[in-house]
PDB file of N, CA and C in Angstrom:
ATOM      1  N   MET A   1      -4.841  18.384  17.588  1.00  0.00           N
ATOM      2  CA  MET A   1      -3.848  17.449  18.041  1.00  0.00           C
ATOM      3  C   MET A   1      -3.583  16.379  17.328  1.00  0.00           C
ATOM      4  N   TYR A   2      -4.744  15.520  16.668  1.00  0.00           N
ATOM      5  CA  TYR A   2      -4.482  14.492  16.016  1.00  0.00           C
ATOM      6  C   TYR A   2      -4.768  14.607  14.465  1.00  0.00           C
ATOM      7  N   ASN A   3      -4.963  15.549  13.744  1.00  0.00           N
ATOM      8  CA  ASN A   3      -4.800  16.204  12.742  1.00  0.00           C
ATOM      9  C   ASN A   3      -3.871  16.797  12.631  1.00  0.00           C
ATOM     10  N   THR A   4      -2.438  16.091  12.394  1.00  0.00           N
ATOM     11  CA  THR A   4      -1.073  16.837  12.083  1.00  0.00           C
ATOM     12  C   THR A   4      -0.463  15.783  11.208  1.00  0.00           C
ATOM     13  N   LEU A   5       0.482  16.412  10.531  1.00  0.00           N
ATOM     14  CA  LEU A   5       1.336  15.206   9.232  1.00  0.00           C
ATOM     15  C   LEU A   5       2.075  14.335  10.074  1.00  0.00           C
ATOM     16  N   GLN A   6       2.378  14.789  11.143  1.00  0.00           N
ATOM     17  CA  GLN A   6       3.279  13.549  12.100  1.00  0.00           C
ATOM     18  C   GLN A   6       2.078  11.969  12.229  1.00  0.00           C
ATOM     19  N   THR A   7       1.074  12.311  12.386  1.00  0.00           N
ATOM     20  CA  THR A   7       0.143  11.454  12.978  1.00  0.00           C
ATOM     21  C   THR A   7       0.027  10.712  11.981  1.00  0.00           C
ATOM     22  N   TYR A   8      -0.528  11.346  10.373  1.00  0.00           N
ATOM     23  CA  TYR A   8      -0.245  10.145   9.150  1.00  0.00           C
ATOM     24  C   TYR A   8       0.945   9.616   8.939  1.00  0.00           C
ATOM     25  N   LEU A   9       2.006  10.265   8.761  1.00  0.00           N
ATOM     26  CA  LEU A   9       3.563   9.652   8.790  1.00  0.00           C
ATOM     27  C   LEU A   9       3.371   8.224   9.962  1.00  0.00           C
ATOM     28  N   PHE A  10       3.351   8.596  10.618  1.00  0.00           N
ATOM     29  CA  PHE A  10       3.175   7.499  12.194  1.00  0.00           C
ATOM     30  C   PHE A  10       2.136   5.995  11.564  1.00  0.00           C
ATOM     31  N   LEU A  11       0.960   6.658  11.358  1.00  0.00           N
ATOM     32  CA  LEU A  11       0.489   5.653  10.580  1.00  0.00           C
ATOM     33  C   LEU A  11       0.449   4.646   9.598  1.00  0.00           C
ATOM     34  N   ALA A  12       1.213   5.441   8.432  1.00  0.00           N
ATOM     35  CA  ALA A  12       1.912   5.147   7.234  1.00  0.00           C
ATOM     36  C   ALA A  12       2.998   4.346   7.247  1.00  0.00           C
ATOM     37  N   ALA A  13       4.182   4.815   8.810  1.00  0.00           N
ATOM     38  CA  ALA A  13       4.962   4.092   8.932  1.00  0.00           C
ATOM     39  C   ALA A  13       4.580   2.611   9.663  1.00  0.00           C
ATOM     40  N   LEU A  14       3.301   2.458  10.679  1.00  0.00           N
ATOM     41  CA  LEU A  14       3.041   1.614  11.093  1.00  0.00           C
ATOM     42  C   LEU A  14       2.748   0.211   9.966  1.00  0.00           C
ATOM     43  N   LEU A  15       1.935   0.728   9.089  1.00  0.00           N
ATOM     44  CA  LEU A  15       1.315   0.098   7.848  1.00  0.00           C
ATOM     45  C   LEU A  15       2.346  -0.864   7.173  1.00  0.00           C
ATOM     46  N   PHE A  16       3.426   0.240   7.369  1.00  0.00           N
ATOM     47  CA  PHE A  16       4.482  -0.101   6.173  1.00  0.00           C
ATOM     48  C   PHE A  16       5.052  -1.454   7.150  1.00  0.00           C
ATOM     49  N   ALA A  17       5.590  -1.202   8.429  1.00  0.00           N
ATOM     50  CA  ALA A  17       6.237  -2.170   8.837  1.00  0.00           C
ATOM     51  C   ALA A  17       5.742  -3.731   9.248  1.00  0.00           C
ATOM     52  N   ILE A  18       4.121  -2.930   9.253  1.00  0.00           N
ATOM     53  CA  ILE A  18       3.639  -4.713   9.420  1.00  0.00           C
ATOM     54  C   ILE A  18       3.868  -5.270   8.137  1.00  0.00           C
ATOM     55  N   GLY A  19       3.254  -4.502   7.184  1.00  0.00           N
ATOM     56  CA  GLY A  19       3.562  -5.252   5.519  1.00  0.00           C
ATOM     57  C   GLY A  19       4.924  -5.517   5.595  1.00  0.00           C
ATOM     58  N   LEU A  20       6.008  -4.927   5.610  1.00  0.00           N
ATOM     59  CA  LEU A  20       7.229  -5.814   5.473  1.00  0.00           C
ATOM     60  C   LEU A  20       7.125  -6.965   6.355  1.00  0.00           C
ATOM     61  N   TYR A  21       6.960  -7.082   7.596  1.00  0.00           N
ATOM     62  CA  TYR A  21       7.327  -8.180   8.528  1.00  0.00           C
ATOM     63  C   TYR A  21       6.113  -9.139   7.908  1.00  0.00           C
ATOM     64  N   GLY A  22       4.776  -8.880   7.640  1.00  0.00           N
ATOM     65  CA  GLY A  22       4.607  -9.989   6.326  1.00  0.00           C
ATOM     66  C   GLY A  22       4.934 -10.730   5.439  1.00  0.00           C
ATOM     67  N   VAL A  23       5.674  -9.719   4.523  1.00  0.00           N
ATOM     68  CA  VAL A  23       6.253 -10.106   3.416  1.00  0.00           C
ATOM     69  C   VAL A  23       7.350 -11.109   4.015  1.00  0.00           C
ATOM     70  N   LEU A  24       8.193 -10.514   4.744  1.00  0.00           N
ATOM     71  CA  LEU A  24       9.608 -11.417   5.319  1.00  0.00           C
ATOM     72  C   LEU A  24       9.134 -12.907   6.019  1.00  0.00           C
ATOM     73  N   ALA A  25       8.325 -12.769   6.860  1.00  0.00           N
ATOM     74  CA  ALA A  25       8.083 -13.704   8.115  1.00  0.00           C
ATOM     75  C   ALA A  25       6.654 -14.618   7.205  1.00  0.00           C
ATOM     76  N   ARG A  26       6.155 -14.521   6.305  1.00  0.00           N
ATOM     77  CA  ARG A  26       4.780 -15.198   5.701  1.00  0.00           C
ATOM     78  C   ARG A  26       5.704 -16.406   4.695  1.00  0.00           C
ATOM     79  N   ARG A  27       5.336 -17.763   4.700  1.00  0.00           N
ATOM     80  CA  ARG A  27       5.488 -18.724   3.485  1.00  0.00           C
ATOM     81  C   ARG A  27       4.151 -18.625   3.028  1.00  0.00           C
ATOM     82  N   SER A  28       3.136 -18.297   2.884  1.00  0.00           N
ATOM     83  CA  SER A  28       1.903 -18.421   2.037  1.00  0.00           C
ATOM     84  C   SER A  28       1.768 -17.067   1.407  1.00  0.00           C
ATOM     85  N   LEU A  29       1.411 -17.583  -0.085  1.00  0.00           N
ATOM     86  CA  LEU A  29       1.815 -16.387  -1.060  1.00  0.00           C
ATOM     87  C   LEU A  29       0.440 -15.617  -0.919  1.00  0.00           C
ATOM     88  N   ILE A  30      -0.484 -15.923  -0.541  1.00  0.00           N
ATOM     89  CA  ILE A  30      -1.533 -15.309  -0.238  1.00  0.00           C
ATOM     90  C   ILE A  30      -1.620 -14.054   0.762  1.00  0.00           C
ATOM     91  N   ALA A  31      -0.760 -14.718   1.663  1.00  0.00           N
ATOM     92  CA  ALA A  31      -0.413 -13.689   2.901  1.00  0.00           C
ATOM     93  C   ALA A  31       0.587 -12.465   2.591  1.00  0.00           C
ATOM     94  N   VAL A  32       1.708 -13.050   1.281  1.00  0.00           N
ATOM     95  CA  VAL A  32       2.736 -11.917   1.426  1.00  0.00           C
ATOM     96  C   VAL A  32       1.623 -11.345   0.095  1.00  0.00           C
ATOM     97  N   LEU A  33       0.941 -11.553  -0.540  1.00  0.00           N
ATOM     98  CA  LEU A  33       0.063 -10.598  -1.318  1.00  0.00           C
ATOM     99  C   LEU A  33      -0.598  -9.666  -0.589  1.00  0.00           C
ATOM    100  N   ILE A  34      -0.887  -9.944   0.851  1.00  0.00           N
ATOM    101  CA  ILE A  34      -1.969  -9.116   1.321  1.00  0.00           C
ATOM    102  C   ILE A  34      -0.437  -8.173   2.221  1.00  0.00           C
ATOM    103  N   SER A  35       0.312  -8.420   1.829  1.00  0.00           N
ATOM    104  CA  SER A  35       1.441  -7.698   2.745  1.00  0.00           C
ATOM    105  C   SER A  35       1.760  -6.496   2.023  1.00  0.00           C
ATOM    106  N   VAL A  36       1.963  -7.350   0.769  1.00  0.00           N
ATOM    107  CA  VAL A  36       1.906  -5.836   0.008  1.00  0.00           C
ATOM    108  C   VAL A  36       1.418  -5.296  -0.697  1.00  0.00           C
ATOM    109  N   GLU A  37      -0.208  -5.316  -0.576  1.00  0.00           N
ATOM    110  CA  GLU A  37      -1.231  -4.620  -0.167  1.00  0.00           C
ATOM    111  C   GLU A  37      -0.894  -3.317   0.747  1.00  0.00           C
ATOM    112  N   LEU A  38      -0.557  -4.279   2.040  1.00  0.00           N
ATOM    113  CA  LEU A  38      -0.533  -2.912   3.112  1.00  0.00           C
ATOM    114  C   LEU A  38       0.409  -2.112   2.345  1.00  0.00           C
ATOM    115  N   MET A  39       1.675  -2.571   1.828  1.00  0.00           N
ATOM    116  CA  MET A  39       2.550  -1.607   1.847  1.00  0.00           C
ATOM    117  C   MET A  39       2.247  -0.654   0.849  1.00  0.00           C
ATOM    118  N   LEU A  40       1.390  -0.757   0.121  1.00  0.00           N
ATOM    119  CA  LEU A  40       1.212  -0.188  -0.887  1.00  0.00           C
ATOM    120  C   LEU A  40       0.040   1.121  -0.293  1.00  0.00           C
ATOM    121  N   ASN A  41      -0.945   0.453   0.286  1.00  0.00           N
ATOM    122  CA  ASN A  41      -1.693   1.585   1.231  1.00  0.00           C
ATOM    123  C   ASN A  41      -1.136   2.480   1.903  1.00  0.00           C
ATOM    124  N   ALA A  42       0.478   2.237   2.705  1.00  0.00           N
ATOM    125  CA  ALA A  42       0.724   2.760   3.093  1.00  0.00           C
ATOM    126  C   ALA A  42       1.398   3.817   2.413  1.00  0.00           C
ATOM    127  N   ALA A  43       1.838   3.705   1.361  1.00  0.00           N
ATOM    128  CA  ALA A  43       2.329   4.601   0.526  1.00  0.00           C
ATOM    129  C   ALA A  43       1.359   5.595   0.157  1.00  0.00           C
ATOM    130  N   SER A  44       0.206   5.055  -0.082  1.00  0.00           N
ATOM    131  CA  SER A  44      -0.903   5.817  -0.850  1.00  0.00           C
ATOM    132  C   SER A  44      -1.287   6.981   0.481  1.00  0.00           C
ATOM    133  N   ILE A  45      -0.960   6.569   1.785  1.00  0.00           N
ATOM    134  CA  ILE A  45      -1.359   7.138   2.568  1.00  0.00           C
ATOM    135  C   ILE A  45      -0.496   8.615   3.137  1.00  0.00           C
ATOM    136  N   ASN A  46       0.988   8.160   2.725  1.00  0.00           N
ATOM    137  CA  ASN A  46       1.552   9.317   2.271  1.00  0.00           C
ATOM    138  C   ASN A  46       1.947  10.179   1.843  1.00  0.00           C
ATOM    139  N   PHE A  47       1.250   9.957   0.259  1.00  0.00           N
ATOM    140  CA  PHE A  47       0.998  10.576  -0.576  1.00  0.00           C
ATOM    141  C   PHE A  47       0.154  11.608  -0.280  1.00  0.00           C
ATOM    142  N   MET A  48      -0.739  11.062   0.149  1.00  0.00           N
ATOM    143  CA  MET A  48      -2.176  12.004   0.702  1.00  0.00           C
ATOM    144  C   MET A  48      -2.084  12.860   1.881  1.00  0.00           C
ATOM    145  N   ALA A  49      -1.166  12.249   2.304  1.00  0.00           N
ATOM    146  CA  ALA A  49      -0.625  13.510   4.026  1.00  0.00           C
ATOM    147  C   ALA A  49       0.060  14.577   3.078  1.00  0.00           C
ATOM    148  N   PHE A  50       0.960  14.141   2.248  1.00  0.00           N
ATOM    149  CA  PHE A  50       2.183  15.246   1.811  1.00  0.00           C
ATOM    150  C   PHE A  50       1.225  16.096   1.161  1.00  0.00           C
ATOM    151  N   ASN A  51       0.323  16.013   0.160  1.00  0.00           N
ATOM    152  CA  ASN A  51      -0.724  16.286  -0.779  1.00  0.00           C
ATOM    153  C   ASN A  51      -1.557  17.170   0.328  1.00  0.00           C
ATOM    154  N   ARG A  52      -1.839  16.954   1.206  1.00  0.00           N
ATOM    155  CA  ARG A  52      -2.935  17.606   2.292  1.00  0.00           C
ATOM    156  C   ARG A  52      -2.239  18.870   3.014  1.00  0.00           C
ATOM    157  N   PHE A  53      -1.269  18.683   3.288  1.00  0.00           N
ATOM    158  CA  PHE A  53      -0.277  19.503   4.344  1.00  0.00           C
ATOM    159  C   PHE A  53       0.746  19.914   3.758  1.00  0.00           C
ATOM    160  N   LEU A  54       1.525  19.785   2.507  1.00  0.00           N
ATOM    161  CA  LEU A  54       2.229  19.813   2.126  1.00  0.00           C
ATOM    162  C   LEU A  54       1.956  21.096   0.352  1.00  0.00           C
ATOM    163  N   ALA A  55       1.721  20.397  -0.173  1.00  0.00           N
ATOM    164  CA  ALA A  55       1.391  20.513  -1.814  1.00  0.00           C
ATOM    165  C   ALA A  55       0.845  22.015  -2.144  1.00  0.00           C
ATOM    166  N   PRO A  56       1.159  22.605  -2.917  1.00  0.00           N
ATOM    167  CA  PRO A  56       1.172  23.704  -3.393  1.00  0.00           C
ATOM    168  C   PRO A  56      -0.528  23.474  -4.713  1.00  0.00           C
ATOM    169  N   GLU A  57      -0.202  21.833  -5.354  1.00  0.00           N
ATOM    170  CA  GLU A  57      -1.816  21.824  -6.491  1.00  0.00           C
ATOM    171  C   GLU A  57      -2.244  20.290  -5.591  1.00  0.00           C
ATOM    172  N   PRO A  58      -3.358  20.532  -5.046  1.00  0.00           N
ATOM    173  CA  PRO A  58      -3.903  19.890  -4.555  1.00  0.00           C
ATOM    174  C   PRO A  58      -4.411  18.022  -5.201  1.00  0.00           C
ATOM    175  N   ALA A  59      -4.235  17.952  -6.292  1.00  0.00           N
ATOM    176  CA  ALA A  59      -4.371  17.140  -7.491  1.00  0.00           C
ATOM    177  C   ALA A  59      -3.483  16.451  -7.764  1.00  0.00           C
ATOM    178  N   VAL A  60      -2.502  16.648  -7.526  1.00  0.00           N
ATOM    179  CA  VAL A  60      -1.030  15.454  -7.265  1.00  0.00           C
ATOM    180  C   VAL A  60      -1.314  14.124  -6.986  1.00  0.00           C
ATOM    181  N   GLY A  61      -1.109  14.688  -5.768  1.00  0.00           N
ATOM    182  CA  GLY A  61      -1.374  13.239  -4.334  1.00  0.00           C
ATOM    183  C   GLY A  61      -2.706  12.554  -5.053  1.00  0.00           C
ATOM    184  N   GLN A  62      -3.604  13.244  -4.900  1.00  0.00           N
ATOM    185  CA  GLN A  62      -4.627  12.072  -5.373  1.00  0.00           C
ATOM    186  C   GLN A  62      -4.809  11.568  -6.916  1.00  0.00           C
ATOM    187  N   ILE A  63      -3.739  12.031  -7.991  1.00  0.00           N
ATOM    188  CA  ILE A  63      -3.552  11.194  -9.270  1.00  0.00           C
ATOM    189  C   ILE A  63      -3.147  10.061  -8.507  1.00  0.00           C
ATOM    190  N   ILE A  64      -1.216  10.707  -7.963  1.00  0.00           N
ATOM    191  CA  ILE A  64      -0.781   9.330  -7.673  1.00  0.00           C
ATOM    192  C   ILE A  64      -1.476   8.118  -7.078  1.00  0.00           C
ATOM    193  N   THR A  65      -2.319   8.676  -5.999  1.00  0.00           N
ATOM    194  CA  THR A  65      -2.650   7.370  -5.128  1.00  0.00           C
ATOM    195  C   THR A  65      -3.701   6.884  -6.109  1.00  0.00           C
ATOM    196  N   LEU A  66      -4.423   7.194  -6.758  1.00  0.00           N
ATOM    197  CA  LEU A  66      -5.092   6.460  -7.959  1.00  0.00           C
ATOM    198  C   LEU A  66      -4.362   5.642  -8.553  1.00  0.00           C
ATOM    199  N   PHE A  67      -3.209   6.032  -9.603  1.00  0.00           N
ATOM    200  CA  PHE A  67      -2.415   5.613  -9.706  1.00  0.00           C
ATOM    201  C   PHE A  67      -1.753   3.859  -8.894  1.00  0.00           C
ATOM    202  N   ILE A  68      -1.866   4.535  -7.832  1.00  0.00           N
ATOM    203  CA  ILE A  68      -1.493   2.966  -6.763  1.00  0.00           C
ATOM    204  C   ILE A  68      -2.710   2.307  -6.572  1.00  0.00           C
ATOM    205  N   MET A  69      -3.642   2.512  -6.913  1.00  0.00           N
ATOM    206  CA  MET A  69      -4.759   1.783  -6.563  1.00  0.00           C
ATOM    207  C   MET A  69      -5.223   1.045  -8.041  1.00  0.00           C
ATOM    208  N   ALA A  70      -4.872   1.488  -8.634  1.00  0.00           N
ATOM    209  CA  ALA A  70      -4.712   1.010 -10.139  1.00  0.00           C
ATOM    210  C   ALA A  70      -3.722  -0.194 -10.247  1.00  0.00           C
ATOM    211  N   VAL A  71      -2.452   0.375  -9.839  1.00  0.00           N
ATOM    212  CA  VAL A  71      -1.322  -0.831 -10.102  1.00  0.00           C
ATOM    213  C   VAL A  71      -1.455  -1.712  -9.006  1.00  0.00           C
ATOM    214  N   ALA A  72      -2.149  -1.668  -7.772  1.00  0.00           N
ATOM    215  CA  ALA A  72      -2.751  -2.505  -6.978  1.00  0.00           C
ATOM    216  C   ALA A  72      -3.335  -3.188  -7.155  1.00  0.00           C
ATOM    217  N   ALA A  73      -4.775  -2.763  -7.434  1.00  0.00           N
ATOM    218  CA  ALA A  73      -5.714  -3.507  -7.797  1.00  0.00           C
ATOM    219  C   ALA A  73      -5.575  -5.051  -9.208  1.00  0.00           C
ATOM    220  N   ALA A  74      -4.386  -3.975 -10.386  1.00  0.00           N
ATOM    221  CA  ALA A  74      -3.749  -5.039 -11.396  1.00  0.00           C
ATOM    222  C   ALA A  74      -2.877  -6.341 -10.440  1.00  0.00           C
ATOM    223  N   GLU A  75      -1.810  -5.899  -9.620  1.00  0.00           N
ATOM    224  CA  GLU A  75      -1.188  -6.645  -8.662  1.00  0.00           C
ATOM    225  C   GLU A  75      -1.975  -7.793  -8.307  1.00  0.00           C
ATOM    226  N   ALA A  76      -2.790  -7.209  -8.078  1.00  0.00           N
ATOM    227  CA  ALA A  76      -3.769  -8.436  -7.159  1.00  0.00           C
ATOM    228  C   ALA A  76      -4.566  -9.435  -8.388  1.00  0.00           C
ATOM    229  N   ALA A  77      -4.859  -9.320  -9.182  1.00  0.00           N
ATOM    230  CA  ALA A  77      -5.299 -10.139 -10.226  1.00  0.00           C
ATOM    231  C   ALA A  77      -4.446 -11.072 -10.860  1.00  0.00           C
ATOM    232  N   ILE A  78      -3.327 -10.423 -11.543  1.00  0.00           N
ATOM    233  CA  ILE A  78      -2.377 -11.399 -11.947  1.00  0.00           C
ATOM    234  C   ILE A  78      -1.363 -12.073 -10.935  1.00  0.00           C
ATOM    235  N   ALA A  79      -1.240 -11.569  -9.877  1.00  0.00           N
ATOM    236  CA  ALA A  79      -0.351 -12.417  -8.338  1.00  0.00           C
ATOM    237  C   ALA A  79      -1.585 -13.437  -8.374  1.00  0.00           C
ATOM    238  N   LEU A  80      -3.181 -13.046  -8.070  1.00  0.00           N
ATOM    239  CA  LEU A  80      -3.899 -14.000  -7.752  1.00  0.00           C
ATOM    240  C   LEU A  80      -3.693 -15.024  -8.950  1.00  0.00           C
ATOM    241  N   SER A  81      -4.573 -14.685  -9.878  1.00  0.00           N
ATOM    242  CA  SER A  81      -4.147 -16.105 -11.240  1.00  0.00           C
ATOM    243  C   SER A  81      -2.752 -17.048 -10.994  1.00  0.00           C
ATOM    244  N   ILE A  82      -1.602 -15.988 -10.920  1.00  0.00           N
ATOM    245  CA  ILE A  82      -0.915 -17.411 -11.253  1.00  0.00           C
ATOM    246  C   ILE A  82      -0.736 -17.844  -9.472  1.00  0.00           C
ATOM    247  N   ILE A  83      -0.883 -17.302  -8.724  1.00  0.00           N
ATOM    248  CA  ILE A  83      -1.238 -18.537  -7.158  1.00  0.00           C
ATOM    249  C   ILE A  83      -1.970 -19.860  -7.728  1.00  0.00           C
ATOM    250  N   ILE A  84      -2.781 -19.530  -8.134  1.00  0.00           N
ATOM    251  CA  ILE A  84      -3.740 -20.302  -9.036  1.00  0.00           C
ATOM    252  C   ILE A  84      -3.434 -21.345  -9.218  1.00  0.00           C
ATOM    253  N   THR A  85      -2.928 -20.788 -10.674  1.00  0.00           N
ATOM    254  CA  THR A  85      -2.543 -21.971 -11.772  1.00  0.00           C
ATOM    255  C   THR A  85      -1.413 -22.834 -10.503  1.00  0.00           C
ATOM    256  N   VAL A  86      -0.161 -22.101  -9.731  1.00  0.00           N
ATOM    257  CA  VAL A  86       0.600 -22.645  -9.226  1.00  0.00           C
ATOM    258  C   VAL A  86       0.000 -23.712  -8.485  1.00  0.00           C
ATOM    259  N   TYR A  87      -0.931 -23.598  -7.442  1.00  0.00           N
ATOM    260  CA  TYR A  87      -1.442 -24.728  -6.522  1.00  0.00           C
ATOM    261  C   TYR A  87      -2.427 -25.511  -7.156  1.00  0.00           C
ATOM    262  N   ARG A  88      -2.842 -25.649  -8.415  1.00  0.00           N
ATOM    263  CA  ARG A  88      -3.323 -26.214  -9.046  1.00  0.00           C
ATOM    264  C   ARG A  88      -2.619 -27.355 -10.031  1.00  0.00           C
ATOM    265  N   LYS A  89      -1.441 -27.461 -10.014  1.00  0.00           N
ATOM    266  CA  LYS A  89      -0.151 -27.918 -10.310  1.00  0.00           C
ATOM    267  C   LYS A  89       0.812 -29.043  -9.466  1.00  0.00           C
TER     268      LYS A  89
END
């Protein structure tokens, strides 16, 4: 019952909606950064769900998810350094 594609897509849509609300409603740069991370995690859940249920080659979704994680880590490091620089001045 819970192990269906629709369950994972609903969870990803919920995470994406929370992240989008955080980006649009927050004024703090760190809160916006956390919201963007939620949106990237929602995209990763989508890739993994489609990988599990629909993909003929199972490694494709996992590779894309690892790429998203690497981009998210680099984005967090650069954004945090910019935020710290802005707050110091």
